[in-house]
Amino acid sequence: MDWVISDELSLTVGTVVGWISAGAMIVGGVIPYIPQYRQIRKTKDAEGFSLLVCLALLVANTLRIMFWFGRHFEYPLLVQSMIMNVTMFLMIHLCVRVRNRNQLLQARQRIFTDFDAKYFWNWTDFQSYLDCILIFTIATSLLMYIFIDYIIFVETVGFLALFTEAMLGTPQLTKNYRNKSTEGMSISMVVMWTCGDIFKTSYFLLRDAPVQFWVCGSIQVTVDLLILLQVCLYRGNVESARSIPHRLD
C-alpha cells in the first residue's frame, strides 16, 4: 500500500514539475524584453535597442512554427514561438512610435512597398513590418506545403530556425572583441540570457526535442559564456575608460 501511495505522489510531483517547466519555457524567452520595453516607454528613447533583434527572432520563430508542421514537437515550444512573435511586434510598435515622435523634423515616410533595400527594416510605419513578416510567412508556408514530404527540407528549416536564434549574441560578442571592452553592455541582461539558455537547452535534452533544438541551444549557451568571459577579460579596460576625465567643450 505504501509503495502505491509513493508512486502516486511521485507521479503528482513529476506532473507539477513538468507543468512548471513547460510554463517557464513558454514565457521565459520574453521576460528579458519586459525591462527593455518598460525602459523605452519611460525614457521615450528607442535608440539603444536594435530592431534587427526583432527581425532575427521573428524569422527564427516563424521558421520554427513552420518546422512544427513538418515534424511535430512539444506544444510548449510551439506556443513559445507564437508568444515571442507577438512580443517582438509589440517591441517594434513601441520603437517606431517613439522614434517618429522624437524626430525634430518630419522625415520622408519610408514604407515597405517602396522596396528600397537601403531602408529595409528601417521603415517609419508599423504596418510595413507586419507586411514584411506576412509575406515571409506566406512564402515559407507555401514552401513547407510543397516540400513537407522531403525530410531534408524539413530538417533544414528546423536547423535554420534555431541557428538564427542561436546567433543572436554574436554581434555583441564581435563588438566587444573589436573594442576590447564591454562598456555600455548590460551584464545583468547577459546573465539572464545565460541562465535562460541553460535551462532551455536542458529542457530540450530532457524532453527529447529534435536534435536541432539542443545543438543550437548549446551554441547559444557557448556564445553567452564567451560574452561573460569577455566581461572578466576586459574589466580593466572598462574601469580605465571610466577613470579618464571627459573634455568639457
Protein backbone atom coordinates (compact mmCIF):
# COMPACT_ATOMS: atom_id res chain seq x y z
CA MET A 1 0.00 0.00 0.00
CA ASP A 2 2.81 2.39 0.88
CA TRP A 3 4.54 1.91 -2.45
CA VAL A 4 1.30 2.66 -4.29
CA ILE A 5 0.96 5.96 -2.40
CA SER A 6 4.63 6.71 -3.05
CA ASP A 7 4.21 6.08 -6.79
CA GLU A 8 1.11 8.28 -6.92
CA LEU A 9 2.93 11.05 -5.05
CA SER A 10 5.94 10.80 -7.36
CA LEU A 11 3.62 10.94 -10.37
CA THR A 12 1.88 14.02 -8.98
CA VAL A 13 5.16 15.79 -8.21
CA GLY A 14 6.53 14.87 -11.63
CA THR A 15 3.40 16.23 -13.31
CA VAL A 16 3.61 19.51 -11.39
CA VAL A 17 7.31 19.90 -12.21
CA GLY A 18 6.54 19.16 -15.84
CA TRP A 19 3.84 21.83 -15.96
CA ILE A 20 6.09 24.37 -14.26
CA SER A 21 8.92 23.62 -16.70
CA ALA A 22 6.58 23.92 -19.67
CA GLY A 23 5.25 27.23 -18.36
CA ALA A 24 8.78 28.53 -17.84
CA MET A 25 9.63 27.57 -21.42
CA ILE A 26 6.60 29.40 -22.79
CA VAL A 27 7.13 32.74 -21.02
CA GLY A 28 10.84 32.57 -20.14
CA GLY A 29 12.02 33.80 -23.53
CA VAL A 30 10.08 37.06 -23.39
CA ILE A 31 10.94 38.03 -19.80
CA PRO A 32 14.28 39.73 -20.68
CA TYR A 33 12.42 42.08 -23.04
CA ILE A 34 9.95 43.31 -20.42
CA PRO A 35 12.51 45.61 -18.69
CA GLN A 36 13.64 46.83 -22.12
CA TYR A 37 10.07 47.63 -23.12
CA ARG A 38 9.42 49.49 -19.86
CA GLN A 39 12.67 51.42 -20.17
CA ILE A 40 11.83 52.61 -23.69
CA ARG A 41 8.38 53.70 -22.57
CA LYS A 42 9.81 55.53 -19.57
CA THR A 43 12.71 57.28 -21.30
CA LYS A 44 10.98 57.82 -24.65
CA ASP A 45 14.27 56.74 -26.24
CA ALA A 46 14.48 53.68 -28.50
CA GLU A 47 17.95 54.27 -29.94
CA GLY A 48 19.59 51.78 -27.59
CA PHE A 49 17.51 48.88 -28.88
CA SER A 50 18.19 47.38 -32.31
CA LEU A 51 15.17 46.35 -34.34
CA LEU A 52 17.42 43.77 -36.02
CA VAL A 53 16.98 41.70 -32.86
CA CYS A 54 13.25 41.67 -33.58
CA LEU A 55 13.89 40.72 -37.21
CA ALA A 56 16.10 37.79 -36.25
CA LEU A 57 13.64 36.49 -33.65
CA LEU A 58 10.63 36.90 -35.94
CA VAL A 59 12.39 34.97 -38.71
CA ALA A 60 13.64 32.30 -36.31
CA ASN A 61 10.29 31.73 -34.61
CA THR A 62 8.28 31.84 -37.83
CA LEU A 63 10.56 29.16 -39.26
CA ARG A 64 10.22 27.16 -36.04
CA ILE A 65 6.42 27.25 -36.40
CA MET A 66 6.77 26.03 -39.99
CA PHE A 67 9.11 23.28 -38.73
CA TRP A 68 6.36 22.07 -36.39
CA PHE A 69 4.12 21.23 -39.35
CA GLY A 70 6.86 19.05 -40.82
CA ARG A 71 7.92 17.45 -37.55
CA HIS A 72 5.68 17.82 -34.53
CA PHE A 73 7.50 18.74 -31.33
CA GLU A 74 6.12 19.68 -27.92
CA TYR A 75 3.31 22.21 -27.80
CA PRO A 76 5.05 24.45 -25.20
CA LEU A 77 7.84 25.08 -27.71
CA LEU A 78 5.28 25.93 -30.39
CA VAL A 79 3.38 28.28 -28.08
CA GLN A 80 6.68 29.89 -27.05
CA SER A 81 7.36 30.84 -30.67
CA MET A 82 3.91 32.38 -31.07
CA ILE A 83 4.27 34.44 -27.89
CA MET A 84 7.77 35.56 -28.90
CA ASN A 85 6.47 36.81 -32.26
CA VAL A 86 3.73 38.80 -30.53
CA THR A 87 6.31 40.25 -28.14
CA MET A 88 8.60 41.31 -30.98
CA PHE A 89 5.75 43.07 -32.76
CA LEU A 90 4.95 44.93 -29.53
CA MET A 91 8.60 46.00 -29.30
CA ILE A 92 8.58 47.16 -32.93
CA HIS A 93 5.33 49.10 -32.47
CA LEU A 94 6.73 50.93 -29.44
CA CYS A 95 10.09 51.70 -31.07
CA VAL A 96 8.53 53.03 -34.27
CA ARG A 97 6.11 55.21 -32.32
CA VAL A 98 8.85 56.61 -30.07
CA ARG A 99 11.27 57.26 -32.94
CA ASN A 100 8.66 59.05 -35.03
CA ARG A 101 7.67 61.19 -32.06
CA ASN A 102 11.29 62.13 -31.32
CA GLN A 103 12.00 63.40 -34.84
CA LEU A 104 12.53 67.14 -34.76
CA LEU A 105 11.86 67.40 -38.47
CA GLN A 106 9.30 65.25 -40.22
CA ALA A 107 11.32 62.86 -42.38
CA ARG A 108 10.11 61.35 -45.62
CA GLN A 109 7.93 58.35 -44.96
CA ARG A 110 9.74 55.10 -45.66
CA ILE A 111 7.43 52.14 -46.18
CA PHE A 112 7.82 48.51 -47.19
CA THR A 113 6.17 48.96 -50.60
CA ASP A 114 8.91 51.39 -51.63
CA PHE A 115 11.11 48.29 -52.00
CA ASP A 116 14.19 50.36 -51.22
CA ALA A 117 16.86 47.99 -49.94
CA LYS A 118 18.69 50.87 -48.25
CA TYR A 119 15.83 51.28 -45.79
CA PHE A 120 14.99 47.62 -45.29
CA TRP A 121 13.74 47.04 -41.73
CA ASN A 122 14.12 50.75 -41.03
CA TRP A 123 10.67 51.89 -42.05
CA THR A 124 8.69 54.69 -40.45
CA ASP A 125 5.36 52.90 -40.10
CA PHE A 126 4.46 49.77 -38.14
CA GLN A 127 2.30 48.34 -40.93
CA SER A 128 5.39 47.86 -43.11
CA TYR A 129 6.91 45.48 -40.58
CA LEU A 130 3.68 43.50 -40.45
CA ASP A 131 3.54 43.32 -44.25
CA CYS A 132 7.14 42.12 -44.50
CA ILE A 133 6.69 39.28 -42.00
CA LEU A 134 3.32 38.37 -43.51
CA ILE A 135 4.91 37.90 -46.93
CA PHE A 136 7.75 35.92 -45.38
CA THR A 137 5.23 33.70 -43.54
CA ILE A 138 3.18 33.09 -46.69
CA ALA A 139 6.31 32.21 -48.70
CA THR A 140 7.65 29.78 -46.08
CA SER A 141 4.20 28.25 -45.62
CA LEU A 142 3.93 27.53 -49.35
CA LEU A 143 7.41 26.00 -49.42
CA MET A 144 6.65 23.83 -46.41
CA TYR A 145 3.36 22.71 -48.01
CA ILE A 146 5.16 21.75 -51.23
CA PHE A 147 8.20 20.06 -49.67
CA ILE A 148 6.72 18.72 -46.44
CA ASP A 149 7.38 15.12 -47.52
CA TYR A 150 11.09 15.80 -48.04
CA ILE A 151 12.76 15.15 -44.71
CA ILE A 152 15.95 17.01 -45.67
CA PHE A 153 13.98 20.18 -46.37
CA VAL A 154 12.04 19.91 -43.12
CA GLU A 155 15.15 19.29 -41.02
CA THR A 156 16.94 22.18 -42.76
CA VAL A 157 14.09 24.55 -41.87
CA GLY A 158 14.34 23.43 -38.27
CA PHE A 159 18.09 23.99 -38.19
CA LEU A 160 17.85 27.44 -39.81
CA ALA A 161 15.16 28.48 -37.30
CA LEU A 162 17.19 27.56 -34.26
CA PHE A 163 20.59 28.54 -35.67
CA THR A 164 19.30 32.05 -36.41
CA GLU A 165 18.20 32.41 -32.80
CA ALA A 166 21.44 30.88 -31.52
CA MET A 167 23.48 33.53 -33.35
CA LEU A 168 21.73 36.49 -31.71
CA GLY A 169 24.63 37.10 -29.31
CA THR A 170 27.42 37.02 -31.92
CA PRO A 171 27.15 40.72 -32.93
CA GLN A 172 27.65 41.70 -29.27
CA LEU A 173 30.50 39.20 -28.95
CA THR A 174 32.20 40.63 -32.05
CA LYS A 175 31.66 44.22 -30.95
CA ASN A 176 33.23 43.52 -27.54
CA TYR A 177 36.21 41.84 -29.19
CA ARG A 178 36.84 44.73 -31.59
CA ASN A 179 36.52 47.36 -28.86
CA LYS A 180 38.33 45.23 -26.27
CA SER A 181 35.65 46.47 -23.90
CA THR A 182 32.15 45.65 -22.66
CA GLU A 183 31.37 49.27 -21.80
CA GLY A 184 27.67 50.01 -22.25
CA MET A 185 26.61 46.36 -22.24
CA SER A 186 24.09 45.20 -19.65
CA ILE A 187 25.83 42.42 -17.71
CA SER A 188 22.64 41.51 -15.85
CA MET A 189 20.88 41.03 -19.19
CA VAL A 190 23.59 38.64 -20.40
CA VAL A 191 23.44 36.72 -17.11
CA MET A 192 19.67 36.44 -17.55
CA TRP A 193 20.15 35.20 -21.12
CA THR A 194 22.73 32.64 -19.97
CA CYS A 195 20.53 31.23 -17.21
CA GLY A 196 17.57 31.07 -19.56
CA ASP A 197 19.54 29.39 -22.34
CA ILE A 198 20.99 26.80 -19.95
CA PHE A 199 17.50 25.98 -18.70
CA LYS A 200 16.16 25.88 -22.24
CA THR A 201 18.89 23.56 -23.52
CA SER A 202 18.48 21.26 -20.51
CA TYR A 203 14.75 21.17 -21.21
CA PHE A 204 15.42 20.19 -24.83
CA LEU A 205 17.67 17.33 -23.74
CA LEU A 206 15.35 16.01 -21.02
CA ARG A 207 12.26 16.19 -23.22
CA ASP A 208 13.89 14.54 -26.24
CA ALA A 209 13.29 17.53 -28.51
CA PRO A 210 14.56 17.29 -32.11
CA VAL A 211 18.35 17.42 -32.35
CA GLN A 212 18.31 20.94 -33.83
CA PHE A 213 16.92 22.30 -30.55
CA TRP A 214 19.66 21.13 -28.20
CA VAL A 215 22.53 21.58 -30.69
CA CYS A 216 21.62 25.21 -31.36
CA GLY A 217 20.78 25.71 -27.68
CA SER A 218 24.30 24.57 -26.84
CA ILE A 219 25.71 27.08 -29.35
CA GLN A 220 23.64 29.83 -27.72
CA VAL A 221 24.92 28.95 -24.24
CA THR A 222 28.50 28.92 -25.56
CA VAL A 223 28.10 32.42 -27.02
CA ASP A 224 26.62 33.66 -23.73
CA LEU A 225 29.51 32.21 -21.74
CA LEU A 226 32.05 33.76 -24.12
CA ILE A 227 30.44 37.18 -23.60
CA LEU A 228 30.64 36.72 -19.82
CA LEU A 229 34.28 35.71 -20.24
CA GLN A 230 34.84 38.99 -22.09
CA VAL A 231 33.41 40.83 -19.08
CA CYS A 232 36.21 39.35 -16.96
CA LEU A 233 38.94 39.84 -19.58
CA TYR A 234 38.05 43.45 -20.41
CA ARG A 235 37.11 44.60 -16.92
CA GLY A 236 40.33 46.61 -16.61
CA ASN A 237 39.63 48.35 -19.92
CA VAL A 238 36.15 49.37 -18.77
CA GLU A 239 37.47 50.74 -15.47
CA SER A 240 40.24 52.63 -17.27
CA ALA A 241 37.74 54.18 -19.67
CA ARG A 242 35.58 55.34 -16.76
CA SER A 243 38.56 56.86 -14.96
CA ILE A 244 39.55 59.07 -17.94
CA PRO A 245 38.08 62.57 -17.44
CA HIS A 246 35.83 63.81 -20.25
CA ARG A 247 36.62 67.04 -22.05
CA LEU A 248 34.35 69.96 -21.45
CA ASP A 249 33.98 71.79 -24.74
